[in-house]
Amino acid sequence: MKAIVCTFIFSGFIFLSGAQRSADLSVELVYPSTDPATFTMNTPYNIILKVKNQGTEAINASDSLFLYITQNGDTLEFLPGGEDHIVKTGVNIPVGDSAQISHYMVYGDGTENSMVEACFSVIPVNAADPVTDPDISDNRSCVWIEIVEAPTAGIDQLQTDMISVSPNPAKNSVTLTVVPDGNVRLLSLDGKELALITPSNKTLDLSGIQNGVYLLNFTKDEHLFSIRLVVEN
């Protein structure tokens, strides 16, 4: 059965040859965090990749990244123009540092009860100030995904209505409506991980966090949640 995949592009990626700068990137899946992972049909999932710069030159905001996604060995094409990659810009990755990028995926009708291998590759590109990756052997990360039919309304209700934080804006601490499965990642709006917070039951300590707008990323029952948070300490 041919899989039908819908994608929502939140941010973008680029590629060239004959580059002068060398940025040796490696790619690691942050979410899904299990292999195999279980995705529910017609439910959006935020695929999160950790991209580390192991090279000798920084990835700058003027550079671009190309994200390629294959499924069972076939390269996916994306709307609106049928491109074989997603373009992400504005990502800064200093030498030895890492940043996170994300892409939403949905498996549509007709994909239930199937198993697919999804692989995600990232390539740096800049036409004006060429950059290359001398070793692309570690630029790809893969995961097996089992696609299941939509669950009962009760589980959908948990996903859509019950996940929130308060107060928001927050000062010193914030309380979630659920207990996360593990640590909570505090991200900047461009996807850079700023802190890893260990929750105390449903409470997160924000006393050391500067004022600003952030994303809180955490998992609950194998689902990833991303909540916009304003801190006003």
N, C-alpha and C. Protein backbone atom coordinates (compact mmCIF):
# COMPACT_ATOMS: atom_id res chain seq x y z
N MET A 1 0.84 -1.20 0.00
CA MET A 1 0.00 0.00 0.00
C MET A 1 0.88 1.25 0.00
N LYS A 2 0.58 2.13 -0.93
CA LYS A 2 1.38 3.35 -1.02
C LYS A 2 1.01 4.31 0.08
N ALA A 3 1.99 4.81 0.78
CA ALA A 3 1.73 5.73 1.89
C ALA A 3 1.47 7.13 1.38
N ILE A 4 0.54 7.81 2.02
CA ILE A 4 0.22 9.21 1.69
C ILE A 4 0.71 10.07 2.84
N VAL A 5 1.61 10.99 2.54
CA VAL A 5 2.19 11.80 3.60
C VAL A 5 1.90 13.26 3.32
N CYS A 6 1.34 13.95 4.32
CA CYS A 6 1.15 15.39 4.25
C CYS A 6 2.18 16.04 5.15
N THR A 7 2.71 17.18 4.76
CA THR A 7 3.72 17.85 5.58
C THR A 7 3.38 19.31 5.75
N PHE A 8 3.75 19.84 6.94
CA PHE A 8 3.58 21.25 7.25
C PHE A 8 4.96 21.83 7.49
N ILE A 9 5.36 22.81 6.71
CA ILE A 9 6.71 23.35 6.82
C ILE A 9 6.69 24.55 7.74
N PHE A 10 7.38 24.45 8.87
CA PHE A 10 7.45 25.54 9.83
C PHE A 10 8.70 26.38 9.60
N SER A 11 9.72 25.80 9.08
CA SER A 11 10.92 26.54 8.80
C SER A 11 11.73 25.76 7.79
N GLY A 12 12.66 26.33 7.19
CA GLY A 12 13.29 25.76 6.06
C GLY A 12 14.75 25.40 6.05
N PHE A 13 15.60 24.79 4.43
CA PHE A 13 16.97 24.27 4.23
C PHE A 13 17.63 24.51 2.84
N ILE A 14 19.55 24.26 2.12
CA ILE A 14 20.14 24.52 0.77
C ILE A 14 21.39 23.67 0.44
N PHE A 15 21.92 23.50 -0.86
CA PHE A 15 23.07 22.64 -1.19
C PHE A 15 23.83 23.13 -2.42
N LEU A 16 25.19 23.08 -2.36
CA LEU A 16 26.06 23.48 -3.46
C LEU A 16 27.35 22.67 -3.45
N SER A 17 28.05 22.66 -4.55
CA SER A 17 29.34 22.00 -4.60
C SER A 17 30.43 23.04 -4.76
N GLY A 18 31.68 22.62 -4.60
CA GLY A 18 32.80 23.52 -4.75
C GLY A 18 32.90 24.54 -3.64
N ALA A 19 32.43 24.18 -2.45
CA ALA A 19 32.41 25.13 -1.34
C ALA A 19 33.79 25.33 -0.76
N GLN A 20 33.99 26.50 -0.16
CA GLN A 20 35.25 26.85 0.48
C GLN A 20 35.24 26.49 1.96
N ARG A 21 34.12 26.76 2.63
CA ARG A 21 34.05 26.50 4.06
C ARG A 21 33.67 25.05 4.32
N SER A 22 34.11 24.54 5.47
CA SER A 22 33.86 23.14 5.81
C SER A 22 33.07 23.07 7.11
N ALA A 23 31.84 22.57 7.02
CA ALA A 23 30.99 22.39 8.20
C ALA A 23 30.54 20.94 8.22
N ASP A 24 31.17 20.15 9.04
CA ASP A 24 30.87 18.72 9.12
C ASP A 24 29.70 18.50 10.07
N LEU A 25 28.52 18.29 9.50
CA LEU A 25 27.31 18.16 10.30
C LEU A 25 27.00 16.70 10.62
N SER A 26 26.44 16.47 11.81
CA SER A 26 25.88 15.17 12.15
C SER A 26 24.43 15.39 12.56
N VAL A 27 23.60 14.38 12.33
CA VAL A 27 22.16 14.50 12.56
C VAL A 27 21.71 13.40 13.51
N GLU A 28 20.93 13.79 14.53
CA GLU A 28 20.40 12.84 15.51
C GLU A 28 18.92 13.15 15.73
N LEU A 29 18.09 12.11 15.71
CA LEU A 29 16.68 12.29 15.98
C LEU A 29 16.44 12.53 17.47
N VAL A 30 15.76 13.63 17.79
CA VAL A 30 15.34 13.90 19.16
C VAL A 30 13.93 13.35 19.37
N TYR A 31 13.08 13.56 18.38
CA TYR A 31 11.73 12.99 18.39
C TYR A 31 11.36 12.56 16.99
N PRO A 32 10.90 11.30 16.80
CA PRO A 32 10.55 10.31 17.80
C PRO A 32 11.75 9.85 18.63
N SER A 33 11.49 9.56 19.88
CA SER A 33 12.55 9.14 20.79
C SER A 33 12.63 7.63 20.93
N THR A 34 11.69 6.90 20.33
CA THR A 34 11.70 5.45 20.38
C THR A 34 11.79 4.88 18.97
N ASP A 35 12.34 3.70 18.83
CA ASP A 35 12.47 3.04 17.54
C ASP A 35 12.16 1.55 17.73
N PRO A 36 11.02 1.08 17.21
CA PRO A 36 10.10 1.81 16.34
C PRO A 36 9.22 2.79 17.12
N ALA A 37 8.72 3.80 16.41
CA ALA A 37 7.77 4.76 16.98
C ALA A 37 6.38 4.42 16.48
N THR A 38 5.37 4.84 17.21
CA THR A 38 3.98 4.62 16.81
C THR A 38 3.33 5.97 16.53
N PHE A 39 2.85 6.15 15.29
CA PHE A 39 2.15 7.36 14.90
C PHE A 39 0.70 7.02 14.59
N THR A 40 -0.19 7.90 15.02
CA THR A 40 -1.61 7.72 14.73
C THR A 40 -1.96 8.41 13.42
N MET A 41 -2.69 7.71 12.59
CA MET A 41 -3.10 8.25 11.30
C MET A 41 -3.87 9.57 11.47
N ASN A 42 -3.58 10.52 10.57
CA ASN A 42 -4.24 11.84 10.55
C ASN A 42 -3.94 12.68 11.78
N THR A 43 -2.83 12.40 12.45
CA THR A 43 -2.39 13.19 13.60
C THR A 43 -1.04 13.82 13.29
N PRO A 44 -0.88 15.13 13.42
CA PRO A 44 0.42 15.76 13.13
C PRO A 44 1.46 15.44 14.20
N TYR A 45 2.66 15.11 13.76
CA TYR A 45 3.77 14.84 14.67
C TYR A 45 4.93 15.75 14.30
N ASN A 46 5.54 16.34 15.32
CA ASN A 46 6.65 17.26 15.11
C ASN A 46 7.97 16.49 15.16
N ILE A 47 8.55 16.24 14.00
CA ILE A 47 9.85 15.56 13.92
C ILE A 47 10.93 16.57 14.32
N ILE A 48 11.74 16.23 15.32
CA ILE A 48 12.78 17.15 15.78
C ILE A 48 14.14 16.50 15.57
N LEU A 49 15.03 17.23 14.92
CA LEU A 49 16.38 16.77 14.63
C LEU A 49 17.39 17.65 15.36
N LYS A 50 18.39 17.03 15.94
CA LYS A 50 19.51 17.75 16.52
C LYS A 50 20.65 17.73 15.52
N VAL A 51 21.05 18.91 15.07
CA VAL A 51 22.12 19.05 14.07
C VAL A 51 23.36 19.61 14.75
N LYS A 52 24.45 18.83 14.75
CA LYS A 52 25.68 19.25 15.41
C LYS A 52 26.74 19.59 14.36
N ASN A 53 27.47 20.68 14.60
CA ASN A 53 28.54 21.11 13.71
C ASN A 53 29.88 20.61 14.24
N GLN A 54 30.42 19.58 13.59
CA GLN A 54 31.70 19.00 13.98
C GLN A 54 32.84 19.48 13.09
N GLY A 55 32.57 20.48 12.24
CA GLY A 55 33.57 20.95 11.28
C GLY A 55 34.44 22.06 11.83
N THR A 56 35.05 22.80 10.93
CA THR A 56 35.97 23.88 11.30
C THR A 56 35.40 25.27 11.02
N GLU A 57 34.19 25.32 10.44
CA GLU A 57 33.54 26.60 10.14
C GLU A 57 32.12 26.58 10.69
N ALA A 58 31.67 27.73 11.16
CA ALA A 58 30.33 27.84 11.73
C ALA A 58 29.27 27.86 10.63
N ILE A 59 28.09 27.35 10.95
CA ILE A 59 26.90 27.57 10.12
C ILE A 59 26.28 28.88 10.59
N ASN A 60 26.11 29.83 9.66
CA ASN A 60 25.62 31.16 9.99
C ASN A 60 24.17 31.32 9.56
N ALA A 61 23.54 32.39 10.04
CA ALA A 61 22.16 32.66 9.68
C ALA A 61 21.99 32.88 8.19
N SER A 62 23.07 33.29 7.50
CA SER A 62 23.00 33.50 6.05
C SER A 62 23.09 32.18 5.27
N ASP A 63 23.49 31.10 5.94
CA ASP A 63 23.54 29.80 5.30
C ASP A 63 22.15 29.18 5.26
N SER A 64 22.01 28.17 4.46
CA SER A 64 20.76 27.41 4.42
C SER A 64 21.07 25.94 4.65
N LEU A 65 20.03 25.22 5.01
CA LEU A 65 20.13 23.78 5.16
C LEU A 65 19.06 23.15 4.29
N PHE A 66 19.41 22.05 3.63
CA PHE A 66 18.41 21.26 2.90
C PHE A 66 18.06 20.04 3.74
N LEU A 67 16.78 19.86 3.98
CA LEU A 67 16.30 18.67 4.67
C LEU A 67 15.67 17.73 3.65
N TYR A 68 16.22 16.53 3.54
CA TYR A 68 15.69 15.49 2.66
C TYR A 68 15.06 14.40 3.53
N ILE A 69 13.89 13.93 3.11
CA ILE A 69 13.20 12.87 3.84
C ILE A 69 12.92 11.72 2.88
N THR A 70 13.37 10.53 3.25
CA THR A 70 13.04 9.34 2.47
C THR A 70 12.15 8.43 3.30
N GLN A 71 11.30 7.71 2.59
CA GLN A 71 10.40 6.75 3.23
C GLN A 71 10.50 5.44 2.48
N ASN A 72 10.99 4.41 3.19
CA ASN A 72 11.24 3.12 2.56
C ASN A 72 12.11 3.27 1.31
N GLY A 73 13.08 4.19 1.40
CA GLY A 73 14.05 4.39 0.33
C GLY A 73 13.63 5.38 -0.74
N ASP A 74 12.38 5.83 -0.74
CA ASP A 74 11.89 6.79 -1.74
C ASP A 74 11.92 8.20 -1.17
N THR A 75 12.49 9.14 -1.94
CA THR A 75 12.57 10.53 -1.50
C THR A 75 11.20 11.20 -1.63
N LEU A 76 10.75 11.83 -0.54
CA LEU A 76 9.45 12.50 -0.55
C LEU A 76 9.55 13.82 -1.31
N GLU A 77 8.43 14.20 -1.93
CA GLU A 77 8.30 15.50 -2.56
C GLU A 77 7.32 16.34 -1.76
N PHE A 78 7.54 17.66 -1.77
CA PHE A 78 6.79 18.55 -0.89
C PHE A 78 6.07 19.62 -1.70
N LEU A 79 4.88 19.97 -1.21
CA LEU A 79 4.13 21.06 -1.80
C LEU A 79 4.77 22.39 -1.43
N PRO A 80 4.60 23.47 -2.25
CA PRO A 80 3.67 23.53 -3.37
C PRO A 80 4.25 23.11 -4.71
N GLY A 81 5.60 23.06 -4.85
CA GLY A 81 6.19 22.85 -6.16
C GLY A 81 6.74 21.47 -6.42
N GLY A 82 6.53 20.53 -5.52
CA GLY A 82 7.04 19.19 -5.71
C GLY A 82 8.53 19.06 -5.50
N GLU A 83 9.13 19.97 -4.69
CA GLU A 83 10.56 19.91 -4.43
C GLU A 83 10.91 18.65 -3.64
N ASP A 84 12.15 18.18 -3.78
CA ASP A 84 12.57 16.97 -3.07
C ASP A 84 13.25 17.29 -1.74
N HIS A 85 13.16 18.53 -1.29
CA HIS A 85 13.77 18.92 -0.01
C HIS A 85 13.01 20.10 0.57
N ILE A 86 13.28 20.36 1.85
CA ILE A 86 12.72 21.51 2.55
C ILE A 86 13.89 22.45 2.86
N VAL A 87 13.71 23.74 2.64
CA VAL A 87 14.78 24.71 2.87
C VAL A 87 14.58 25.39 4.21
N LYS A 88 15.64 25.35 5.06
CA LYS A 88 15.60 26.02 6.36
C LYS A 88 16.71 27.06 6.40
N THR A 89 16.37 28.27 6.83
CA THR A 89 17.34 29.35 6.92
C THR A 89 17.33 29.95 8.31
N GLY A 90 18.34 30.80 8.57
CA GLY A 90 18.39 31.53 9.83
C GLY A 90 18.86 30.73 11.02
N VAL A 91 19.55 29.61 10.78
CA VAL A 91 20.03 28.75 11.86
C VAL A 91 21.52 29.01 12.09
N ASN A 92 21.89 29.36 13.31
CA ASN A 92 23.29 29.54 13.68
C ASN A 92 23.78 28.31 14.43
N ILE A 93 24.88 27.68 13.95
CA ILE A 93 25.47 26.54 14.63
C ILE A 93 26.98 26.77 14.71
N PRO A 94 27.48 27.33 15.80
CA PRO A 94 28.93 27.51 15.95
C PRO A 94 29.64 26.16 15.94
N VAL A 95 30.95 26.20 15.70
CA VAL A 95 31.75 24.98 15.70
C VAL A 95 31.65 24.30 17.06
N GLY A 96 31.35 23.02 17.06
CA GLY A 96 31.21 22.26 18.29
C GLY A 96 29.86 22.38 18.96
N ASP A 97 28.98 23.20 18.41
CA ASP A 97 27.66 23.42 19.00
C ASP A 97 26.61 22.71 18.17
N SER A 98 25.36 22.77 18.63
CA SER A 98 24.27 22.11 17.92
C SER A 98 23.02 22.97 17.99
N ALA A 99 22.08 22.70 17.11
CA ALA A 99 20.78 23.38 17.10
C ALA A 99 19.73 22.37 16.68
N GLN A 100 18.49 22.66 17.00
CA GLN A 100 17.40 21.77 16.64
C GLN A 100 16.58 22.37 15.51
N ILE A 101 16.16 21.52 14.60
CA ILE A 101 15.25 21.90 13.53
C ILE A 101 14.07 20.94 13.58
N SER A 102 12.93 21.36 13.07
CA SER A 102 11.74 20.52 13.17
C SER A 102 10.92 20.58 11.90
N HIS A 103 10.09 19.57 11.75
CA HIS A 103 9.21 19.48 10.59
C HIS A 103 8.00 18.62 10.97
N TYR A 104 6.81 19.12 10.70
CA TYR A 104 5.60 18.39 11.02
C TYR A 104 5.23 17.41 9.90
N MET A 105 4.85 16.19 10.29
CA MET A 105 4.42 15.18 9.33
C MET A 105 3.09 14.59 9.76
N VAL A 106 2.27 14.24 8.76
CA VAL A 106 0.98 13.59 9.00
C VAL A 106 0.85 12.43 8.03
N TYR A 107 0.51 11.26 8.53
CA TYR A 107 0.19 10.12 7.66
C TYR A 107 -1.31 10.06 7.48
N GLY A 108 -1.74 10.19 6.22
CA GLY A 108 -3.15 10.33 5.92
C GLY A 108 -3.88 9.02 5.74
N ASP A 109 -5.13 9.13 5.29
CA ASP A 109 -5.98 7.95 5.08
C ASP A 109 -5.30 6.96 4.14
N GLY A 110 -5.44 5.69 4.47
CA GLY A 110 -4.85 4.65 3.65
C GLY A 110 -3.49 4.18 4.13
N THR A 111 -2.95 4.82 5.16
CA THR A 111 -1.62 4.44 5.67
C THR A 111 -1.69 3.61 6.94
N GLU A 112 -2.91 3.38 7.47
CA GLU A 112 -3.03 2.68 8.74
C GLU A 112 -2.53 1.24 8.63
N ASN A 113 -2.06 0.73 9.76
CA ASN A 113 -1.59 -0.65 9.87
C ASN A 113 -0.42 -0.95 8.93
N SER A 114 0.46 0.04 8.79
CA SER A 114 1.65 -0.16 7.97
C SER A 114 2.88 0.24 8.77
N MET A 115 4.04 -0.21 8.30
CA MET A 115 5.32 0.10 8.93
C MET A 115 6.24 0.72 7.88
N VAL A 116 6.80 1.90 8.17
CA VAL A 116 7.67 2.57 7.21
C VAL A 116 8.99 2.93 7.89
N GLU A 117 10.06 2.98 7.12
CA GLU A 117 11.33 3.49 7.61
C GLU A 117 11.51 4.90 7.07
N ALA A 118 11.53 5.88 7.97
CA ALA A 118 11.71 7.28 7.59
C ALA A 118 13.13 7.72 7.93
N CYS A 119 13.80 8.32 6.97
CA CYS A 119 15.17 8.80 7.16
C CYS A 119 15.23 10.28 6.86
N PHE A 120 16.02 11.02 7.67
CA PHE A 120 16.09 12.48 7.59
C PHE A 120 17.56 12.88 7.41
N SER A 121 17.85 13.61 6.31
CA SER A 121 19.22 14.03 6.00
C SER A 121 19.29 15.54 5.90
N VAL A 122 20.40 16.12 6.36
CA VAL A 122 20.59 17.57 6.35
C VAL A 122 21.90 17.91 5.65
N ILE A 123 21.84 18.84 4.69
CA ILE A 123 23.01 19.28 3.92
C ILE A 123 23.12 20.80 3.98
N PRO A 124 24.31 21.37 4.29
CA PRO A 124 24.46 22.83 4.30
C PRO A 124 24.67 23.39 2.90
N VAL A 125 24.17 24.63 2.67
CA VAL A 125 24.32 25.28 1.36
C VAL A 125 24.40 26.80 1.52
N ASN A 126 25.22 27.42 0.65
CA ASN A 126 25.25 28.88 0.56
C ASN A 126 25.85 29.24 -0.79
N ALA A 127 25.06 29.88 -1.65
CA ALA A 127 25.53 30.23 -2.99
C ALA A 127 26.54 31.36 -2.97
N ALA A 128 26.33 32.36 -2.09
CA ALA A 128 27.20 33.52 -2.05
C ALA A 128 28.51 33.25 -1.32
N ASP A 129 28.46 32.46 -0.27
CA ASP A 129 29.65 32.13 0.54
C ASP A 129 29.67 30.61 0.73
N PRO A 130 30.13 29.88 -0.30
CA PRO A 130 29.94 28.43 -0.36
C PRO A 130 30.42 27.69 0.88
N VAL A 131 29.64 26.69 1.26
CA VAL A 131 29.95 25.84 2.40
C VAL A 131 29.72 24.39 1.96
N THR A 132 30.54 23.48 2.44
CA THR A 132 30.41 22.08 2.08
C THR A 132 30.53 21.22 3.32
N ASP A 133 30.08 20.00 3.19
CA ASP A 133 30.21 19.01 4.25
C ASP A 133 31.09 17.89 3.72
N PRO A 134 32.32 17.74 4.24
CA PRO A 134 33.26 16.77 3.69
C PRO A 134 32.91 15.32 4.00
N ASP A 135 32.04 15.09 4.97
CA ASP A 135 31.70 13.73 5.37
C ASP A 135 30.20 13.66 5.64
N ILE A 136 29.43 13.14 4.68
CA ILE A 136 27.97 13.09 4.84
C ILE A 136 27.50 11.74 5.38
N SER A 137 28.44 10.90 5.82
CA SER A 137 28.06 9.58 6.31
C SER A 137 27.22 9.64 7.58
N ASP A 138 27.37 10.73 8.36
CA ASP A 138 26.59 10.86 9.60
C ASP A 138 25.56 11.98 9.52
N ASN A 139 25.19 12.36 8.29
CA ASN A 139 24.19 13.42 8.09
C ASN A 139 22.77 12.90 8.08
N ARG A 140 22.59 11.62 8.33
CA ARG A 140 21.27 11.01 8.22
C ARG A 140 20.93 10.26 9.50
N SER A 141 19.65 10.35 9.90
CA SER A 141 19.14 9.59 11.03
C SER A 141 17.81 8.98 10.63
N CYS A 142 17.59 7.71 10.99
CA CYS A 142 16.41 6.97 10.54
C CYS A 142 15.63 6.41 11.72
N VAL A 143 14.35 6.14 11.48
CA VAL A 143 13.49 5.54 12.50
C VAL A 143 12.40 4.75 11.79
N TRP A 144 12.04 3.61 12.37
CA TRP A 144 10.88 2.86 11.89
C TRP A 144 9.63 3.41 12.56
N ILE A 145 8.57 3.61 11.76
CA ILE A 145 7.32 4.18 12.26
C ILE A 145 6.18 3.23 11.95
N GLU A 146 5.47 2.83 13.00
CA GLU A 146 4.26 2.04 12.83
C GLU A 146 3.07 2.99 12.84
N ILE A 147 2.26 2.92 11.79
CA ILE A 147 1.11 3.81 11.64
C ILE A 147 -0.14 3.05 12.04
N VAL A 148 -0.87 3.60 13.02
CA VAL A 148 -2.06 2.92 13.53
C VAL A 148 -3.29 3.79 13.29
N GLU A 149 -4.45 3.19 13.42
CA GLU A 149 -5.69 3.93 13.22
C GLU A 149 -5.92 4.92 14.34
N ALA A 150 -6.78 5.90 14.07
CA ALA A 150 -7.06 6.95 15.04
C ALA A 150 -7.61 6.36 16.33
N PRO A 151 -7.14 6.86 17.50
CA PRO A 151 -7.62 6.35 18.78
C PRO A 151 -8.99 6.91 19.12
N THR A 152 -9.44 6.57 20.31
CA THR A 152 -10.74 7.07 20.77
C THR A 152 -10.68 8.56 21.01
N ALA A 153 -11.86 9.19 21.11
CA ALA A 153 -11.93 10.64 21.34
C ALA A 153 -11.28 11.04 22.64
N GLY A 154 -11.28 10.15 23.63
CA GLY A 154 -10.70 10.49 24.92
C GLY A 154 -9.22 10.80 24.82
N ILE A 155 -8.49 10.02 24.00
CA ILE A 155 -7.05 10.28 23.84
C ILE A 155 -6.85 11.56 23.04
N ASP A 156 -7.66 11.75 22.00
CA ASP A 156 -7.56 13.00 21.24
C ASP A 156 -7.80 14.20 22.15
N GLN A 157 -8.74 14.07 23.07
CA GLN A 157 -9.04 15.17 23.99
C GLN A 157 -7.84 15.50 24.85
N LEU A 158 -7.09 14.48 25.28
CA LEU A 158 -5.89 14.72 26.07
C LEU A 158 -4.90 15.55 25.28
N GLN A 159 -4.75 15.23 23.98
CA GLN A 159 -3.78 15.94 23.16
C GLN A 159 -4.18 17.39 22.90
N THR A 160 -5.46 17.62 22.66
CA THR A 160 -5.87 18.93 22.19
C THR A 160 -6.23 19.91 23.29
N ASP A 161 -6.79 19.40 24.40
CA ASP A 161 -7.36 20.30 25.39
C ASP A 161 -6.64 20.32 26.73
N MET A 162 -5.96 19.26 27.10
CA MET A 162 -5.49 19.14 28.47
C MET A 162 -4.05 19.58 28.68
N ILE A 163 -3.31 19.87 27.62
CA ILE A 163 -1.90 20.20 27.76
C ILE A 163 -1.74 21.71 27.73
N SER A 164 -1.33 22.30 28.85
CA SER A 164 -1.11 23.73 28.93
C SER A 164 -0.20 24.04 30.10
N VAL A 165 0.22 25.30 30.22
CA VAL A 165 1.05 25.74 31.34
C VAL A 165 0.42 26.98 31.96
N SER A 166 0.67 27.18 33.24
CA SER A 166 0.19 28.39 33.91
C SER A 166 1.14 28.72 35.07
N PRO A 167 1.32 30.00 35.38
CA PRO A 167 0.82 31.13 34.58
C PRO A 167 1.65 31.31 33.31
N ASN A 168 1.11 32.00 32.37
CA ASN A 168 1.81 32.30 31.12
C ASN A 168 1.34 33.66 30.63
N PRO A 169 2.14 34.73 30.84
CA PRO A 169 3.56 34.79 31.22
C PRO A 169 3.84 34.22 32.61
N ALA A 170 5.07 33.67 32.72
CA ALA A 170 5.49 33.01 33.96
C ALA A 170 6.57 33.82 34.67
N LYS A 171 6.63 33.63 35.98
CA LYS A 171 7.67 34.26 36.79
C LYS A 171 8.17 33.23 37.80
N ASN A 172 9.47 32.91 37.72
CA ASN A 172 10.15 31.98 38.64
C ASN A 172 9.79 30.52 38.42
N SER A 173 8.51 30.21 38.20
CA SER A 173 8.13 28.82 37.99
C SER A 173 6.86 28.76 37.15
N VAL A 174 6.59 27.58 36.62
CA VAL A 174 5.40 27.37 35.82
C VAL A 174 4.90 25.97 36.11
N THR A 175 3.59 25.77 36.01
CA THR A 175 2.98 24.48 36.29
C THR A 175 2.31 23.92 35.04
N LEU A 176 2.64 22.66 34.72
CA LEU A 176 2.02 21.97 33.59
C LEU A 176 0.76 21.26 34.06
N THR A 177 -0.13 20.98 33.11
CA THR A 177 -1.34 20.24 33.45
C THR A 177 -1.11 18.73 33.45
N VAL A 178 0.07 18.28 33.03
CA VAL A 178 0.42 16.86 33.06
C VAL A 178 1.84 16.74 33.59
N VAL A 179 2.22 15.53 34.01
CA VAL A 179 3.59 15.25 34.41
C VAL A 179 4.35 14.75 33.18
N PRO A 180 5.38 15.47 32.72
CA PRO A 180 6.10 15.05 31.51
C PRO A 180 6.81 13.72 31.71
N ASP A 181 7.01 13.02 30.61
CA ASP A 181 7.81 11.80 30.62
C ASP A 181 9.28 12.19 30.44
N GLY A 182 9.97 12.48 31.53
CA GLY A 182 11.37 12.88 31.45
C GLY A 182 11.55 14.38 31.52
N ASN A 183 12.72 14.84 31.06
CA ASN A 183 13.06 16.25 31.15
C ASN A 183 12.30 17.10 30.14
N VAL A 184 12.27 18.40 30.42
CA VAL A 184 11.63 19.37 29.53
C VAL A 184 12.71 20.22 28.89
N ARG A 185 12.67 20.38 27.58
CA ARG A 185 13.65 21.19 26.86
C ARG A 185 13.12 22.60 26.67
N LEU A 186 13.94 23.58 27.05
CA LEU A 186 13.61 24.99 26.82
C LEU A 186 14.34 25.44 25.56
N LEU A 187 13.59 25.87 24.55
CA LEU A 187 14.15 26.23 23.25
C LEU A 187 13.89 27.71 22.96
N SER A 188 14.82 28.31 22.22
CA SER A 188 14.56 29.62 21.64
C SER A 188 13.59 29.44 20.47
N LEU A 189 13.03 30.53 19.96
CA LEU A 189 12.05 30.43 18.89
C LEU A 189 12.65 29.93 17.59
N ASP A 190 14.00 30.00 17.45
CA ASP A 190 14.65 29.46 16.25
C ASP A 190 15.08 28.00 16.43
N GLY A 191 14.66 27.39 17.56
CA GLY A 191 14.90 25.97 17.75
C GLY A 191 16.15 25.60 18.49
N LYS A 192 16.91 26.57 19.01
CA LYS A 192 18.15 26.28 19.72
C LYS A 192 17.83 25.90 21.18
N GLU A 193 18.39 24.76 21.61
CA GLU A 193 18.15 24.32 22.98
C GLU A 193 18.95 25.18 23.95
N LEU A 194 18.25 25.78 24.93
CA LEU A 194 18.89 26.68 25.89
C LEU A 194 19.06 26.05 27.26
N ALA A 195 18.17 25.16 27.61
CA ALA A 195 18.23 24.54 28.94
C ALA A 195 17.47 23.23 28.93
N LEU A 196 17.91 22.33 29.83
CA LEU A 196 17.22 21.06 30.05
C LEU A 196 16.73 21.08 31.49
N ILE A 197 15.41 21.12 31.67
CA ILE A 197 14.81 21.33 32.98
C ILE A 197 14.22 20.00 33.48
N THR A 198 14.61 19.63 34.70
CA THR A 198 14.03 18.44 35.33
C THR A 198 12.80 18.86 36.12
N PRO A 199 11.62 18.38 35.74
CA PRO A 199 10.40 18.83 36.43
C PRO A 199 10.28 18.24 37.83
N SER A 200 9.70 19.00 38.73
CA SER A 200 9.32 18.52 40.05
C SER A 200 7.82 18.27 40.01
N ASN A 201 7.45 17.01 39.75
CA ASN A 201 6.06 16.66 39.47
C ASN A 201 5.61 17.46 38.25
N LYS A 202 4.69 18.42 38.41
CA LYS A 202 4.22 19.21 37.27
C LYS A 202 4.85 20.60 37.21
N THR A 203 5.79 20.90 38.11
CA THR A 203 6.32 22.25 38.25
C THR A 203 7.71 22.36 37.64
N LEU A 204 7.96 23.46 36.91
CA LEU A 204 9.27 23.75 36.33
C LEU A 204 9.84 25.00 36.98
N ASP A 205 11.11 24.93 37.40
CA ASP A 205 11.79 26.06 38.00
C ASP A 205 12.39 26.93 36.90
N LEU A 206 11.94 28.19 36.81
CA LEU A 206 12.41 29.11 35.78
C LEU A 206 13.20 30.27 36.37
N SER A 207 13.64 30.15 37.61
CA SER A 207 14.27 31.27 38.30
C SER A 207 15.55 31.73 37.62
N GLY A 208 16.25 30.84 36.92
CA GLY A 208 17.50 31.23 36.27
C GLY A 208 17.33 31.59 34.81
N ILE A 209 16.10 31.66 34.33
CA ILE A 209 15.83 31.92 32.91
C ILE A 209 15.59 33.41 32.68
N GLN A 210 16.27 33.97 31.69
CA GLN A 210 16.11 35.38 31.36
C GLN A 210 14.74 35.63 30.75
N ASN A 211 14.30 36.90 30.85
CA ASN A 211 13.03 37.28 30.25
C ASN A 211 13.06 37.04 28.74
N GLY A 212 11.94 36.58 28.21
CA GLY A 212 11.88 36.34 26.78
C GLY A 212 10.75 35.39 26.43
N VAL A 213 10.69 35.05 25.14
CA VAL A 213 9.68 34.13 24.62
C VAL A 213 10.38 32.84 24.22
N TYR A 214 9.87 31.70 24.69
CA TYR A 214 10.52 30.42 24.50
C TYR A 214 9.50 29.36 24.07
N LEU A 215 10.04 28.17 23.75
CA LEU A 215 9.22 26.99 23.53
C LEU A 215 9.58 25.95 24.58
N LEU A 216 8.58 25.34 25.18
CA LEU A 216 8.78 24.21 26.07
C LEU A 216 8.44 22.94 25.30
N ASN A 217 9.43 22.05 25.15
CA ASN A 217 9.21 20.79 24.45
C ASN A 217 9.31 19.63 25.43
N PHE A 218 8.32 18.74 25.42
CA PHE A 218 8.36 17.57 26.28
C PHE A 218 7.47 16.49 25.69
N THR A 219 7.66 15.27 26.17
CA THR A 219 6.84 14.15 25.70
C THR A 219 5.92 13.68 26.82
N LYS A 220 4.77 13.16 26.39
CA LYS A 220 3.81 12.57 27.31
C LYS A 220 3.09 11.45 26.56
N ASP A 221 3.22 10.23 27.06
CA ASP A 221 2.56 9.08 26.44
C ASP A 221 2.91 8.96 24.97
N GLU A 222 4.22 9.12 24.68
CA GLU A 222 4.77 8.97 23.32
C GLU A 222 4.33 10.07 22.36
N HIS A 223 3.75 11.15 22.85
CA HIS A 223 3.42 12.30 22.02
C HIS A 223 4.31 13.47 22.43
N LEU A 224 4.76 14.23 21.44
CA LEU A 224 5.59 15.40 21.71
C LEU A 224 4.71 16.64 21.74
N PHE A 225 4.93 17.50 22.75
CA PHE A 225 4.19 18.74 22.88
C PHE A 225 5.16 19.91 22.88
N SER A 226 4.76 20.98 22.23
CA SER A 226 5.57 22.20 22.17
C SER A 226 4.67 23.37 22.54
N ILE A 227 5.00 24.03 23.63
CA ILE A 227 4.16 25.10 24.18
C ILE A 227 4.94 26.41 24.20
N ARG A 228 4.35 27.45 23.67
CA ARG A 228 4.96 28.78 23.67
C ARG A 228 4.85 29.36 25.09
N LEU A 229 5.97 29.85 25.61
CA LEU A 229 6.00 30.36 27.00
C LEU A 229 6.69 31.71 27.03
N VAL A 230 6.08 32.65 27.76
CA VAL A 230 6.67 33.96 28.00
C VAL A 230 7.18 34.00 29.44
N VAL A 231 8.45 34.37 29.62
CA VAL A 231 9.06 34.47 30.95
C VAL A 231 9.26 35.94 31.28
N GLU A 232 8.78 36.35 32.46
CA GLU A 232 8.94 37.73 32.93
C GLU A 232 9.40 37.69 34.38
N ASN A 233 10.65 37.31 34.59
CA ASN A 233 11.21 37.24 35.95
C ASN A 233 11.56 38.64 36.47
